[in-house]
Amino acid sequence: MCRLIYDETVERIVNYRSHLGGESDERFDLGNCPDESVSTVVREGATLAVGRDVAVAPAVAAEYLRDTRRWPDWGPAIEAVESDDRYVTRGTRGQVRVAGAWLPFRVTACNDRRWDWRVSGIPATGHRVDSYAGESDRSRVVVEVPLVAAWYVPVCRRALDRFAALVEERSGEKSTERAIEVDTVDDD
């Protein structure tokens, strides 16, 4: 079972005892969660920000994150999606199939690199892409989980690992395709 350590004296999660024996710097390990995940979890106000670096430009990561057709590819809880909008915008509606049940969703806020939604009328996770100054081919994808749903953090960590594999593989394929096209042109 994954568990969080909460310090009541300062009313926030401040550190953890890692299953590797060390202590954190305001990031915490969730104990029995997959060791291979390179995601981190940081408390941001009333949410837990589950984040992972990806080796793609922020615009690329944001495009994949907003693409409803891709959600089942990286979201372990999402089996299928039905929506008239391929890319979410504020007001996008549809339904997601989770554990065999179809649940309605509505995107409540959206800009180029961030979106929030409600599933079955309940505020759900927030999604965002952060950029790094001076690093145009690297970004950080973050899923914001309400504190009351901390149990969902391991699912988000797995989702971000799958998301990173998907976008980095696709980005690599496009780079290889471009290199092949350039080589072909140079050979003529």
C-alpha atoms as a PDB file:
ATOM      1  CA  MET A   1       0.000   0.000   0.000  1.00  0.00           C
ATOM      2  CA  CYS A   2       1.340   3.452  -0.913  1.00  0.00           C
ATOM      3  CA  ARG A   3       1.165   5.942   1.915  1.00  0.00           C
ATOM      4  CA  LEU A   4       1.902   9.603   2.436  1.00  0.00           C
ATOM      5  CA  ILE A   5       3.475  11.097   5.547  1.00  0.00           C
ATOM      6  CA  TYR A   6       1.770  14.289   6.675  1.00  0.00           C
ATOM      7  CA  ASP A   7       3.333  16.602   9.265  1.00  0.00           C
ATOM      8  CA  GLU A   8       0.454  18.084  11.278  1.00  0.00           C
ATOM      9  CA  THR A   9       2.661  20.725  12.902  1.00  0.00           C
ATOM     10  CA  VAL A  10       3.151  22.544   9.598  1.00  0.00           C
ATOM     11  CA  GLU A  11       0.028  21.129   7.926  1.00  0.00           C
ATOM     12  CA  ARG A  12       1.749  19.806   4.833  1.00  0.00           C
ATOM     13  CA  ILE A  13       3.791  16.927   3.555  1.00  0.00           C
ATOM     14  CA  VAL A  14       7.382  17.898   4.230  1.00  0.00           C
ATOM     15  CA  ASN A  15       9.437  14.751   3.916  1.00  0.00           C
ATOM     16  CA  TYR A  16       9.376  11.020   3.670  1.00  0.00           C
ATOM     17  CA  ARG A  17      11.429   8.023   4.485  1.00  0.00           C
ATOM     18  CA  SER A  18      12.290   6.522   1.146  1.00  0.00           C
ATOM     19  CA  HIS A  19      12.155   2.788   0.698  1.00  0.00           C
ATOM     20  CA  LEU A  20      15.834   3.275  -0.193  1.00  0.00           C
ATOM     21  CA  GLY A  21      16.520   4.748   3.257  1.00  0.00           C
ATOM     22  CA  GLY A  22      17.024   8.471   2.512  1.00  0.00           C
ATOM     23  CA  GLU A  23      14.848  11.494   3.203  1.00  0.00           C
ATOM     24  CA  SER A  24      13.351  13.841   0.668  1.00  0.00           C
ATOM     25  CA  ASP A  25      13.474  17.553  -0.016  1.00  0.00           C
ATOM     26  CA  GLU A  26       9.683  18.124  -0.058  1.00  0.00           C
ATOM     27  CA  ARG A  27       9.192  15.440  -2.674  1.00  0.00           C
ATOM     28  CA  PHE A  28       8.054  12.094  -1.526  1.00  0.00           C
ATOM     29  CA  ASP A  29       8.234   8.522  -2.541  1.00  0.00           C
ATOM     30  CA  LEU A  30       5.124   6.412  -2.333  1.00  0.00           C
ATOM     31  CA  GLY A  31       6.733   3.310  -0.911  1.00  0.00           C
ATOM     32  CA  ASN A  32       5.502   0.341  -2.917  1.00  0.00           C
ATOM     33  CA  CYS A  33       5.066   2.260  -6.167  1.00  0.00           C
ATOM     34  CA  PRO A  34       7.115   1.173  -9.196  1.00  0.00           C
ATOM     35  CA  ASP A  35      10.844   1.723  -8.676  1.00  0.00           C
ATOM     36  CA  GLU A  36      11.381   2.422 -12.368  1.00  0.00           C
ATOM     37  CA  SER A  37       9.188   5.544 -12.354  1.00  0.00           C
ATOM     38  CA  VAL A  38      11.159   8.778 -12.537  1.00  0.00           C
ATOM     39  CA  SER A  39       8.138  10.899 -11.662  1.00  0.00           C
ATOM     40  CA  THR A  40       8.041  13.092  -8.587  1.00  0.00           C
ATOM     41  CA  VAL A  41       5.247  14.276  -6.342  1.00  0.00           C
ATOM     42  CA  VAL A  42       5.205  17.726  -4.743  1.00  0.00           C
ATOM     43  CA  ARG A  43       2.535  19.336  -2.596  1.00  0.00           C
ATOM     44  CA  GLU A  44       1.177  22.504  -4.224  1.00  0.00           C
ATOM     45  CA  GLY A  45      -1.483  23.979  -1.965  1.00  0.00           C
ATOM     46  CA  ALA A  46      -4.528  21.692  -1.995  1.00  0.00           C
ATOM     47  CA  THR A  47      -3.094  19.401  -4.672  1.00  0.00           C
ATOM     48  CA  LEU A  48      -0.330  16.903  -5.190  1.00  0.00           C
ATOM     49  CA  ALA A  49       1.579  17.699  -8.388  1.00  0.00           C
ATOM     50  CA  VAL A  50       2.748  14.471  -9.992  1.00  0.00           C
ATOM     51  CA  GLY A  51       5.384  15.483 -12.548  1.00  0.00           C
ATOM     52  CA  ARG A  52       7.739  13.913 -15.034  1.00  0.00           C
ATOM     53  CA  ASP A  53      10.273  15.341 -17.449  1.00  0.00           C
ATOM     54  CA  VAL A  54       9.863  14.447 -21.105  1.00  0.00           C
ATOM     55  CA  ALA A  55      12.377  14.917 -23.897  1.00  0.00           C
ATOM     56  CA  VAL A  56      10.077  16.896 -26.190  1.00  0.00           C
ATOM     57  CA  ALA A  57       9.213  20.552 -26.674  1.00  0.00           C
ATOM     58  CA  PRO A  58       6.420  21.913 -24.458  1.00  0.00           C
ATOM     59  CA  ALA A  59       4.145  22.456 -27.486  1.00  0.00           C
ATOM     60  CA  VAL A  60       4.512  18.796 -28.500  1.00  0.00           C
ATOM     61  CA  ALA A  61       3.793  17.546 -24.982  1.00  0.00           C
ATOM     62  CA  ALA A  62       0.772  19.862 -24.683  1.00  0.00           C
ATOM     63  CA  GLU A  63      -0.641  18.695 -28.010  1.00  0.00           C
ATOM     64  CA  TYR A  64      -0.492  15.037 -26.941  1.00  0.00           C
ATOM     65  CA  LEU A  65      -1.878  15.851 -23.491  1.00  0.00           C
ATOM     66  CA  ARG A  66      -4.932  17.610 -25.004  1.00  0.00           C
ATOM     67  CA  ASP A  67      -5.549  14.911 -27.654  1.00  0.00           C
ATOM     68  CA  THR A  68      -8.603  12.909 -26.531  1.00  0.00           C
ATOM     69  CA  ARG A  69      -7.771  10.129 -29.001  1.00  0.00           C
ATOM     70  CA  ARG A  70      -4.474   9.531 -27.152  1.00  0.00           C
ATOM     71  CA  TRP A  71      -5.857   9.385 -23.596  1.00  0.00           C
ATOM     72  CA  PRO A  72      -6.386   5.586 -23.607  1.00  0.00           C
ATOM     73  CA  ASP A  73      -2.792   5.151 -24.885  1.00  0.00           C
ATOM     74  CA  TRP A  74      -1.271   6.650 -21.755  1.00  0.00           C
ATOM     75  CA  GLY A  75      -4.033   6.891 -19.123  1.00  0.00           C
ATOM     76  CA  PRO A  76      -4.208   3.517 -17.331  1.00  0.00           C
ATOM     77  CA  ALA A  77      -7.687   4.266 -15.926  1.00  0.00           C
ATOM     78  CA  ILE A  78      -9.161   5.328 -19.295  1.00  0.00           C
ATOM     79  CA  GLU A  79     -10.335   2.494 -21.520  1.00  0.00           C
ATOM     80  CA  ALA A  80     -11.994   4.646 -24.192  1.00  0.00           C
ATOM     81  CA  VAL A  81     -13.087   8.210 -24.957  1.00  0.00           C
ATOM     82  CA  GLU A  82     -16.000   9.646 -26.908  1.00  0.00           C
ATOM     83  CA  SER A  83     -15.936  13.360 -27.696  1.00  0.00           C
ATOM     84  CA  ASP A  84     -16.725  15.585 -30.651  1.00  0.00           C
ATOM     85  CA  ASP A  85     -13.484  17.471 -29.946  1.00  0.00           C
ATOM     86  CA  ARG A  86     -10.213  15.739 -30.676  1.00  0.00           C
ATOM     87  CA  TYR A  87      -8.244  18.416 -28.791  1.00  0.00           C
ATOM     88  CA  VAL A  88      -9.775  19.692 -25.580  1.00  0.00           C
ATOM     89  CA  THR A  89     -10.754  23.324 -25.234  1.00  0.00           C
ATOM     90  CA  ARG A  90     -12.742  25.019 -22.505  1.00  0.00           C
ATOM     91  CA  GLY A  91     -16.203  23.482 -22.595  1.00  0.00           C
ATOM     92  CA  THR A  92     -15.224  20.247 -24.358  1.00  0.00           C
ATOM     93  CA  ARG A  93     -17.635  17.502 -23.363  1.00  0.00           C
ATOM     94  CA  GLY A  94     -17.727  13.785 -23.841  1.00  0.00           C
ATOM     95  CA  GLN A  95     -17.492  10.571 -21.930  1.00  0.00           C
ATOM     96  CA  VAL A  96     -14.719   8.286 -20.756  1.00  0.00           C
ATOM     97  CA  ARG A  97     -14.994   4.588 -20.059  1.00  0.00           C
ATOM     98  CA  VAL A  98     -13.441   3.730 -16.709  1.00  0.00           C
ATOM     99  CA  ALA A  99     -13.680   0.221 -15.235  1.00  0.00           C
ATOM    100  CA  GLY A 100     -16.301  -0.630 -17.854  1.00  0.00           C
ATOM    101  CA  ALA A 101     -18.587   2.311 -17.021  1.00  0.00           C
ATOM    102  CA  TRP A 102     -19.124   5.357 -19.240  1.00  0.00           C
ATOM    103  CA  LEU A 103     -18.752   8.589 -17.270  1.00  0.00           C
ATOM    104  CA  PRO A 104     -19.509  12.074 -18.618  1.00  0.00           C
ATOM    105  CA  PHE A 105     -16.757  14.694 -18.560  1.00  0.00           C
ATOM    106  CA  ARG A 106     -16.499  18.421 -19.188  1.00  0.00           C
ATOM    107  CA  VAL A 107     -13.335  20.496 -19.526  1.00  0.00           C
ATOM    108  CA  THR A 108     -13.765  23.473 -17.194  1.00  0.00           C
ATOM    109  CA  ALA A 109     -10.599  25.437 -18.010  1.00  0.00           C
ATOM    110  CA  CYS A 110      -8.099  25.228 -20.838  1.00  0.00           C
ATOM    111  CA  ASN A 111      -5.256  27.149 -22.435  1.00  0.00           C
ATOM    112  CA  ASP A 112      -2.392  26.022 -24.645  1.00  0.00           C
ATOM    113  CA  ARG A 113      -0.555  24.159 -21.895  1.00  0.00           C
ATOM    114  CA  ARG A 114      -3.101  23.537 -19.139  1.00  0.00           C
ATOM    115  CA  TRP A 115      -6.550  22.024 -18.723  1.00  0.00           C
ATOM    116  CA  ASP A 116      -8.868  20.976 -15.891  1.00  0.00           C
ATOM    117  CA  TRP A 117     -11.935  18.806 -16.026  1.00  0.00           C
ATOM    118  CA  ARG A 118     -14.872  17.378 -14.132  1.00  0.00           C
ATOM    119  CA  VAL A 119     -15.804  13.727 -14.426  1.00  0.00           C
ATOM    120  CA  SER A 120     -19.406  12.881 -13.481  1.00  0.00           C
ATOM    121  CA  GLY A 121     -19.666  16.455 -12.184  1.00  0.00           C
ATOM    122  CA  ILE A 122     -16.784  15.985  -9.710  1.00  0.00           C
ATOM    123  CA  PRO A 123     -13.595  18.083 -10.051  1.00  0.00           C
ATOM    124  CA  ALA A 124     -10.902  15.702 -11.267  1.00  0.00           C
ATOM    125  CA  THR A 125      -7.212  16.055 -12.092  1.00  0.00           C
ATOM    126  CA  GLY A 126      -5.590  19.118 -13.614  1.00  0.00           C
ATOM    127  CA  HIS A 127      -3.066  18.725 -16.424  1.00  0.00           C
ATOM    128  CA  ARG A 128      -0.259  21.063 -17.409  1.00  0.00           C
ATOM    129  CA  VAL A 129       3.032  21.308 -19.276  1.00  0.00           C
ATOM    130  CA  ASP A 130       5.850  23.401 -17.812  1.00  0.00           C
ATOM    131  CA  SER A 131       8.840  24.576 -19.844  1.00  0.00           C
ATOM    132  CA  TYR A 132      12.497  24.926 -18.890  1.00  0.00           C
ATOM    133  CA  ALA A 133      14.286  28.194 -19.662  1.00  0.00           C
ATOM    134  CA  GLY A 134      16.810  27.673 -22.442  1.00  0.00           C
ATOM    135  CA  GLU A 135      15.761  24.063 -23.088  1.00  0.00           C
ATOM    136  CA  SER A 136      13.376  24.000 -26.021  1.00  0.00           C
ATOM    137  CA  ASP A 137      13.390  20.190 -26.407  1.00  0.00           C
ATOM    138  CA  ARG A 138      12.538  19.368 -22.795  1.00  0.00           C
ATOM    139  CA  SER A 139       9.421  19.931 -20.718  1.00  0.00           C
ATOM    140  CA  ARG A 140       7.718  18.753 -17.551  1.00  0.00           C
ATOM    141  CA  VAL A 141       4.255  17.225 -17.681  1.00  0.00           C
ATOM    142  CA  VAL A 142       2.271  17.525 -14.453  1.00  0.00           C
ATOM    143  CA  VAL A 143      -0.971  15.940 -13.300  1.00  0.00           C
ATOM    144  CA  GLU A 144      -2.507  17.739 -10.318  1.00  0.00           C
ATOM    145  CA  VAL A 145      -4.348  15.470  -7.908  1.00  0.00           C
ATOM    146  CA  PRO A 146      -6.621  16.835  -5.147  1.00  0.00           C
ATOM    147  CA  LEU A 147      -5.294  15.884  -1.690  1.00  0.00           C
ATOM    148  CA  VAL A 148      -8.471  13.920  -0.958  1.00  0.00           C
ATOM    149  CA  ALA A 149      -7.603  11.680  -3.923  1.00  0.00           C
ATOM    150  CA  ALA A 150      -3.982  11.006  -2.909  1.00  0.00           C
ATOM    151  CA  TRP A 151      -4.652   7.301  -3.457  1.00  0.00           C
ATOM    152  CA  TYR A 152      -4.717   8.123  -7.205  1.00  0.00           C
ATOM    153  CA  VAL A 153      -1.061   9.281  -7.291  1.00  0.00           C
ATOM    154  CA  PRO A 154       0.380   5.846  -8.278  1.00  0.00           C
ATOM    155  CA  VAL A 155      -2.002   5.730 -11.258  1.00  0.00           C
ATOM    156  CA  CYS A 156      -0.811   9.205 -12.321  1.00  0.00           C
ATOM    157  CA  ARG A 157       2.828   8.169 -11.995  1.00  0.00           C
ATOM    158  CA  ARG A 158       2.186   5.180 -14.254  1.00  0.00           C
ATOM    159  CA  ALA A 159       0.261   7.426 -16.672  1.00  0.00           C
ATOM    160  CA  LEU A 160       3.144   9.891 -16.920  1.00  0.00           C
ATOM    161  CA  ASP A 161       5.648   7.102 -17.551  1.00  0.00           C
ATOM    162  CA  ARG A 162       3.442   5.824 -20.376  1.00  0.00           C
ATOM    163  CA  PHE A 163       2.921   9.388 -21.651  1.00  0.00           C
ATOM    164  CA  ALA A 164       6.689  10.009 -21.751  1.00  0.00           C
ATOM    165  CA  ALA A 165       7.314   6.778 -23.654  1.00  0.00           C
ATOM    166  CA  LEU A 166       4.583   7.666 -26.164  1.00  0.00           C
ATOM    167  CA  VAL A 167       5.650  11.250 -26.899  1.00  0.00           C
ATOM    168  CA  GLU A 168       9.374  10.536 -26.900  1.00  0.00           C
ATOM    169  CA  GLU A 169       8.903   7.583 -29.265  1.00  0.00           C
ATOM    170  CA  ARG A 170       6.698   9.650 -31.604  1.00  0.00           C
ATOM    171  CA  SER A 171       9.138  12.557 -31.486  1.00  0.00           C
ATOM    172  CA  GLY A 172      12.014  10.209 -32.306  1.00  0.00           C
ATOM    173  CA  GLU A 173      10.087   8.724 -35.241  1.00  0.00           C
ATOM    174  CA  LYS A 174       9.467  12.195 -36.662  1.00  0.00           C
ATOM    175  CA  SER A 175      13.146  13.103 -36.226  1.00  0.00           C
ATOM    176  CA  THR A 176      14.212   9.893 -37.983  1.00  0.00           C
ATOM    177  CA  GLU A 177      11.727  10.507 -40.803  1.00  0.00           C
ATOM    178  CA  ARG A 178      13.100  14.011 -41.280  1.00  0.00           C
ATOM    179  CA  ALA A 179      16.681  12.706 -41.293  1.00  0.00           C
ATOM    180  CA  ILE A 180      15.806  10.087 -43.914  1.00  0.00           C
ATOM    181  CA  GLU A 181      14.140  12.737 -46.086  1.00  0.00           C
ATOM    182  CA  VAL A 182      17.197  14.969 -45.790  1.00  0.00           C
ATOM    183  CA  ASP A 183      19.550  12.075 -46.652  1.00  0.00           C
ATOM    184  CA  THR A 184      17.415  11.196 -49.675  1.00  0.00           C
ATOM    185  CA  VAL A 185      17.477  14.798 -50.875  1.00  0.00           C
ATOM    186  CA  ASP A 186      21.238  15.015 -50.350  1.00  0.00           C
ATOM    187  CA  ASP A 187      21.796  11.800 -52.379  1.00  0.00           C
ATOM    188  CA  ASP A 188      20.023  13.165 -55.460  1.00  0.00           C
END
